[in-house]
Protein backbone atom coordinates (compact mmCIF):
# COMPACT_ATOMS: atom_id res chain seq x y z
CA MET A 1 -197.39 35.68 41.62
CA GLU A 2 -200.20 34.64 39.28
CA VAL A 3 -202.55 33.99 42.21
CA ARG A 4 -201.71 37.38 43.74
CA TYR A 5 -202.45 39.13 40.44
CA LYS A 6 -205.75 37.24 40.15
CA TYR A 7 -206.88 38.39 43.60
CA LEU A 8 -205.74 41.96 42.98
CA ASN A 9 -207.59 41.98 39.66
CA THR A 10 -210.78 40.75 41.35
CA ILE A 11 -210.52 43.34 44.14
CA LEU A 12 -209.99 46.20 41.67
CA LYS A 13 -213.00 45.09 39.60
CA LEU A 14 -215.16 44.93 42.72
CA ILE A 15 -214.01 48.39 43.83
CA PHE A 16 -214.80 49.80 40.40
CA PHE A 17 -218.24 48.16 40.27
CA ILE A 18 -219.16 49.31 43.78
CA GLY A 19 -217.93 52.83 42.97
CA LEU A 20 -219.95 52.84 39.75
CA SER A 21 -223.06 51.64 41.58
CA ILE A 22 -222.75 54.29 44.31
CA ALA A 23 -222.13 57.06 41.77
CA LEU A 24 -225.11 56.00 39.66
CA TYR A 25 -227.37 55.84 42.69
CA ARG A 26 -226.32 59.20 44.09
CA ARG A 27 -226.05 61.17 40.85
CA VAL A 28 -228.69 59.54 38.64
CA PHE A 29 -231.32 57.47 40.43
CA THR A 30 -231.88 60.07 43.16
CA ASN A 31 -231.83 63.01 40.73
CA GLU A 32 -235.06 65.02 40.47
CA ASP A 33 -234.70 65.47 36.71
CA PHE A 34 -234.34 61.70 36.30
CA HIS A 35 -237.48 60.98 38.36
CA GLY A 36 -239.36 63.69 36.46
CA ALA A 37 -238.27 62.14 33.16
CA ILE A 38 -239.43 58.66 34.25
CA PHE A 39 -242.80 60.05 35.35
CA ALA A 40 -243.23 61.95 32.05
CA LEU A 41 -242.16 58.86 30.10
CA LYS A 42 -244.84 56.73 31.81
CA GLU A 43 -247.46 59.33 30.91
CA ASN A 44 -246.44 59.47 27.26
CA LEU A 45 -245.27 55.92 26.59
CA ILE A 46 -248.61 54.62 25.35
CA HIS A 47 -248.75 57.40 22.76
CA GLY A 48 -245.09 57.26 21.78
CA ARG A 49 -243.99 53.69 22.47
CA GLY A 50 -243.06 53.12 18.80
CA PHE A 51 -240.79 56.18 18.74
CA PHE A 52 -239.29 55.15 22.09
CA VAL A 53 -238.49 51.59 20.97
CA ILE A 54 -236.79 52.89 17.83
CA ALA A 55 -234.77 55.41 19.89
CA VAL A 56 -233.58 52.63 22.22
CA LEU A 57 -232.64 50.34 19.32
CA LEU A 58 -230.74 53.22 17.72
CA SER A 59 -228.55 53.47 20.82
CA PHE A 60 -227.23 49.97 20.06
CA LEU A 61 -226.63 51.01 16.46
CA ASN A 62 -224.88 54.14 17.71
CA TRP A 63 -222.35 52.21 19.77
CA SER A 64 -222.01 49.53 17.09
CA VAL A 65 -220.90 52.20 14.63
CA GLU A 66 -218.43 53.48 17.23
CA SER A 67 -217.17 49.91 17.61
CA VAL A 68 -216.58 49.70 13.85
CA LYS A 69 -214.70 53.01 14.03
CA TRP A 70 -212.49 51.88 16.88
CA LYS A 71 -211.87 48.46 15.32
CA SER A 72 -210.72 50.10 12.06
CA LEU A 73 -208.26 52.23 14.04
CA VAL A 74 -206.89 49.57 16.39
CA THR A 75 -206.55 46.88 13.69
CA LYS A 76 -203.58 48.88 12.41
CA LEU A 77 -201.82 47.94 15.67
CA THR A 78 -203.22 44.57 16.68
CA PRO A 79 -205.99 42.23 15.44
CA ILE A 80 -209.32 42.74 17.22
CA SER A 81 -212.79 41.31 16.62
CA PHE A 82 -215.96 43.38 16.48
CA GLY A 83 -217.18 41.71 19.69
CA LYS A 84 -214.05 42.66 21.62
CA SER A 85 -214.19 46.15 20.15
CA PHE A 86 -217.79 46.49 21.33
CA LEU A 87 -216.74 45.36 24.81
CA GLY A 88 -214.01 47.99 24.78
CA ILE A 89 -216.61 50.64 23.96
CA LEU A 90 -218.79 49.53 26.90
CA PHE A 91 -215.83 49.54 29.30
CA GLY A 92 -214.82 52.96 28.03
CA ILE A 93 -218.30 54.40 28.66
CA ALA A 94 -218.30 52.99 32.20
CA PHE A 95 -214.87 54.47 32.99
CA SER A 96 -215.76 57.79 31.38
CA LEU A 97 -218.44 58.56 33.96
CA PHE A 98 -215.83 59.47 36.57
CA THR A 99 -213.55 61.72 34.58
CA PRO A 100 -213.75 65.27 33.13
CA ASN A 101 -214.70 65.35 29.45
CA ARG A 102 -214.92 61.53 29.56
CA LEU A 103 -211.13 61.10 29.44
CA GLY A 104 -211.39 57.77 31.24
CA GLU A 105 -213.00 56.34 28.11
CA TYR A 106 -209.58 55.93 26.49
CA GLY A 107 -208.15 53.89 29.36
CA GLY A 108 -211.30 51.80 29.64
CA ARG A 109 -211.26 50.78 26.00
CA VAL A 110 -207.69 49.54 25.83
CA LEU A 111 -208.26 47.11 28.71
CA VAL A 112 -209.51 44.58 26.14
CA LEU A 113 -206.20 44.67 24.25
CA LYS A 114 -203.25 42.39 24.91
CA ASP A 115 -200.57 44.80 23.72
CA HIS A 116 -199.93 48.22 22.11
CA LYS A 117 -202.22 49.81 24.72
CA ILE A 118 -200.54 53.21 24.82
CA ALA A 119 -200.41 53.42 21.02
CA ALA A 120 -204.09 52.37 20.95
CA ILE A 121 -204.96 55.36 23.15
CA VAL A 122 -203.41 57.60 20.47
CA SER A 123 -205.50 55.82 17.81
CA THR A 124 -208.59 56.29 19.96
CA LEU A 125 -207.84 60.00 20.15
CA ILE A 126 -207.87 60.14 16.34
CA GLY A 127 -211.35 58.61 16.34
CA SER A 128 -212.51 61.10 18.95
CA TYR A 129 -211.08 63.97 16.94
CA SER A 130 -213.02 62.82 13.86
CA GLN A 131 -216.19 63.00 15.96
CA ILE A 132 -215.26 66.47 17.20
CA VAL A 133 -214.76 67.68 13.61
CA VAL A 134 -218.22 66.43 12.64
CA ASN A 135 -219.91 67.69 15.83
CA MET A 136 -218.35 71.14 15.56
CA THR A 137 -219.06 71.44 11.82
CA ILE A 138 -222.73 70.44 11.84
CA GLY A 139 -223.38 72.04 15.22
CA GLY A 140 -221.66 75.24 14.13
CA ILE A 141 -223.70 75.46 10.91
CA ALA A 142 -226.91 74.80 12.85
CA GLY A 143 -225.87 77.34 15.49
CA PHE A 144 -225.26 79.94 12.79
CA ILE A 145 -228.73 79.33 11.31
CA TYR A 146 -230.19 79.47 14.82
CA LEU A 147 -228.61 82.88 15.46
CA TRP A 148 -229.84 84.15 12.09
CA LYS A 149 -233.37 82.74 12.20
CA TYR A 150 -234.31 82.82 15.89
CA VAL A 151 -232.01 85.32 17.64
CA HIS A 152 -231.97 87.85 14.77
CA LEU A 153 -228.44 89.17 15.24
CA SER A 154 -227.37 92.30 13.43
CA PRO A 155 -225.87 91.68 9.96
CA TYR A 156 -222.44 92.92 11.08
CA LEU A 157 -222.31 90.63 14.11
CA LEU A 158 -223.61 87.72 12.04
CA PHE A 159 -220.89 88.35 9.46
CA THR A 160 -218.22 88.38 12.18
CA VAL A 161 -219.52 85.10 13.59
CA SER A 162 -219.55 83.50 10.12
CA ILE A 163 -215.92 84.52 9.43
CA PHE A 164 -214.77 83.15 12.78
CA PHE A 165 -216.69 79.93 12.15
CA LEU A 166 -215.19 79.46 8.66
CA ILE A 167 -211.65 79.94 10.00
CA TRP A 168 -212.34 77.44 12.78
CA MET A 169 -213.75 74.86 10.34
CA VAL A 170 -210.78 75.19 8.00
CA PHE A 171 -208.43 74.65 10.94
CA LEU A 172 -210.32 71.54 12.08
CA PHE A 173 -210.33 69.87 8.65
CA VAL A 174 -206.77 70.81 7.74
CA SER A 175 -205.42 69.62 11.09
CA PHE A 176 -207.40 66.37 10.89
CA PHE A 177 -206.20 65.41 7.41
CA ASN A 178 -202.63 66.41 8.30
CA ILE A 179 -202.59 64.76 11.69
CA GLU A 180 -199.11 63.32 11.11
CA ILE A 181 -197.76 66.79 11.95
CA VAL A 182 -198.36 65.87 15.60
CA SER A 183 -195.64 63.22 15.34
CA VAL A 184 -193.18 65.76 13.95
CA LEU A 185 -193.91 68.20 16.77
CA PHE A 186 -193.45 65.54 19.45
CA ARG A 187 -190.07 64.50 18.04
CA LYS A 188 -188.95 68.11 17.82
CA TYR A 189 -189.01 68.66 21.58
CA SER A 190 -186.87 66.47 23.86
CA PHE A 191 -189.51 66.62 26.61
CA PHE A 192 -191.84 64.46 24.47
CA LYS A 193 -189.28 62.08 22.99
CA LYS A 194 -190.12 59.25 25.41
CA ILE A 195 -193.67 59.03 24.07
CA ALA A 196 -192.90 60.07 20.49
CA GLU A 197 -192.74 56.42 19.36
CA TYR A 198 -196.36 55.95 20.44
CA VAL A 199 -197.45 59.18 18.77
CA ASP A 200 -195.92 57.94 15.51
CA VAL A 201 -199.07 55.82 15.21
CA VAL A 202 -200.74 58.80 13.53
CA LYS A 203 -198.58 58.16 10.44
CA LEU A 204 -200.32 54.82 9.85
CA TYR A 205 -203.59 56.36 8.68
CA GLN A 206 -204.01 57.39 5.06
CA PHE A 207 -206.30 60.10 3.66
CA HIS A 208 -209.04 57.65 2.60
CA GLU A 209 -209.03 56.03 6.05
CA LEU A 210 -209.41 59.40 7.75
CA ARG A 211 -212.19 60.28 5.30
CA ASN A 212 -213.99 57.03 6.18
CA LEU A 213 -213.68 57.93 9.86
CA LEU A 214 -215.47 61.20 9.16
CA PHE A 215 -218.28 59.34 7.35
CA LEU A 216 -218.73 56.97 10.29
CA SER A 217 -218.65 59.92 12.70
CA PHE A 218 -221.31 61.67 10.63
CA PHE A 219 -223.42 58.49 10.70
CA ARG A 220 -223.14 58.37 14.52
CA TYR A 221 -224.03 62.04 14.79
CA SER A 222 -227.09 61.55 12.58
CA ILE A 223 -228.24 58.63 14.73
CA TYR A 224 -227.90 60.72 17.89
CA CYS A 225 -229.87 63.60 16.38
CA LEU A 226 -232.59 61.21 15.19
CA GLN A 227 -232.79 59.67 18.67
CA PHE A 228 -233.37 63.07 20.26
CA PHE A 229 -235.99 63.97 17.66
CA LEU A 230 -237.83 60.67 18.28
CA LEU A 231 -237.77 61.25 22.03
CA LEU A 232 -239.15 64.76 21.52
CA LYS A 233 -241.93 63.03 19.59
CA VAL A 234 -242.49 60.63 22.50
CA PHE A 235 -242.97 63.57 24.87
CA ARG A 236 -245.09 65.45 22.32
CA VAL A 237 -242.84 68.51 22.36
CA GLY A 238 -244.18 69.60 18.98
CA ILE A 239 -240.93 70.38 17.17
CA HIS A 240 -241.22 69.95 13.41
CA PHE A 241 -238.57 68.05 11.48
CA PHE A 242 -236.99 71.12 9.84
CA GLU A 243 -236.95 72.97 13.17
CA GLY A 244 -235.25 69.94 14.68
CA ILE A 245 -232.51 70.04 12.03
CA VAL A 246 -231.50 73.45 13.39
CA LEU A 247 -232.37 73.25 17.09
CA ILE A 248 -231.08 69.75 17.96
CA PRO A 249 -227.52 70.18 16.58
CA SER A 250 -227.41 73.60 18.28
CA VAL A 251 -228.15 71.88 21.61
CA PHE A 252 -225.44 69.27 21.02
CA PHE A 253 -222.97 71.97 20.00
CA LEU A 254 -223.36 73.79 23.31
CA GLN A 255 -223.32 70.56 25.31
CA SER A 256 -220.08 69.44 23.67
CA ILE A 257 -218.11 72.66 24.32
CA LEU A 258 -218.90 72.84 28.04
CA PRO A 259 -216.38 70.79 30.08
CA THR A 260 -218.01 68.50 32.63
CA MET A 261 -217.96 64.96 34.02
CA ALA A 262 -220.40 62.68 32.22
CA ILE A 263 -222.12 61.55 35.39
CA PHE A 264 -222.65 65.11 36.63
CA ASP A 265 -224.03 66.67 33.45
CA LEU A 266 -227.63 65.47 33.71
CA SER A 267 -229.08 68.80 34.87
CA LEU A 268 -226.74 70.82 32.66
CA ARG A 269 -227.85 68.97 29.53
CA GLY A 270 -231.48 69.59 30.40
CA GLN A 271 -230.87 73.31 30.98
CA ILE A 272 -229.13 73.71 27.61
CA ALA A 273 -231.95 71.86 25.84
CA VAL A 274 -234.50 74.12 27.53
CA GLU A 275 -232.64 77.28 26.52
CA ILE A 276 -232.51 76.28 22.84
CA ILE A 277 -235.69 74.26 22.34
CA GLY A 278 -237.97 75.33 25.21
CA THR A 279 -239.14 78.58 23.64
CA TYR A 280 -240.36 76.80 20.52
CA ALA A 281 -241.76 73.68 22.21
CA LYS A 282 -245.28 72.72 23.18
CA GLY A 283 -246.08 70.99 26.45
CA GLY A 284 -243.85 73.08 28.70
CA LEU A 285 -240.18 72.97 29.64
CA VAL A 286 -240.47 69.79 31.70
CA VAL A 287 -240.91 67.57 28.65
CA VAL A 288 -237.82 69.06 26.97
CA VAL A 289 -235.75 68.22 30.05
CA ALA A 290 -237.34 64.75 30.10
CA ALA A 291 -236.41 64.05 26.47
CA SER A 292 -232.82 65.20 27.06
CA THR A 293 -232.57 63.11 30.22
CA VAL A 294 -233.86 59.92 28.59
CA LEU A 295 -231.46 60.44 25.65
CA TRP A 296 -228.56 60.77 28.10
CA PHE A 297 -229.71 57.72 30.05
CA ILE A 298 -230.08 55.27 27.14
CA ASN A 299 -226.83 56.34 25.47
CA LEU A 300 -224.53 56.65 28.50
CA ILE A 301 -225.99 55.17 31.66
CA VAL A 302 -227.43 51.93 30.24
CA PRO A 303 -224.17 51.03 28.37
CA SER A 304 -222.13 51.94 31.47
CA ILE A 305 -224.22 49.59 33.62
CA ILE A 306 -223.80 46.79 31.07
CA GLY A 307 -220.06 47.54 30.86
CA GLY A 308 -219.71 47.54 34.65
CA VAL A 309 -221.48 44.18 35.01
CA VAL A 310 -219.50 42.55 32.19
CA ALA A 311 -216.23 43.92 33.65
CA LEU A 312 -216.86 41.93 36.84
CA PHE A 313 -216.56 38.66 34.92
CA TYR A 314 -214.12 39.68 32.20
CA LYS A 315 -210.54 38.44 32.39
CA PHE A 316 -208.40 41.49 31.67
CA ASN A 317 -204.92 41.19 30.21
CA ARG A 318 -201.90 42.43 32.10
């Protein structure tokens, strides 16, 4: 039985790695935007190599912060080291490439755990929700400023947008800090009673722990924004720092609300960046797409490749 499981485990890992390799080749390495970004990067690397190196190093910091977030959540269920948490993040990124809205990330992460895997998925969802609250809040504020400063909406329409945004923000924060209500709702309906015991995990997290999650999520968001700004510097787009504070979160806001599969959103991300930043950028639209593409590559594709390779040799628990 043990030998059969070992062979099955090996076969599944090989299938996943081959599938990942094919998907990356077809959707990334043969993509015109990707080749254009590499060409533009070669042209600008001598000028902006310092900015580029910092942006790459920040990607490791980005996922390290996410590892700290996930470790703080999962430790409530089962002990886990930072190293194993970091591995879980890499596996999650690799699995997320094949699923809408990166849902496979949750299943990929819990592969490093010995037990409480279903409950850990619920904990992971709490961490994701904290990131959504931060992304929507900062992106929404930036989007509002963008509409006011660059689009010049009428005062009445701007007022309507601001009211809707405030209501939405209040809902996000109230629901996040009262997340235990989810457990009550699941126990109320018999249809959900079989999984209610796993959902009860939400009761484990106190107000200060949820607040700390928001701080870590804000830190991650700041890193991501800084990375994009540095890459815009690499490609000499010409966006000033204070313009970037408004334009970059506006780009991320739109990118986050459009449902797509992570491996298919290369062109879409570039188009959104062009729509928001292109009008105010120097050097043409191509460099904006290039900056967005390189950001996507170093934060998603590189970790997914590392995760896929490590998964080949990692001994997963049953």
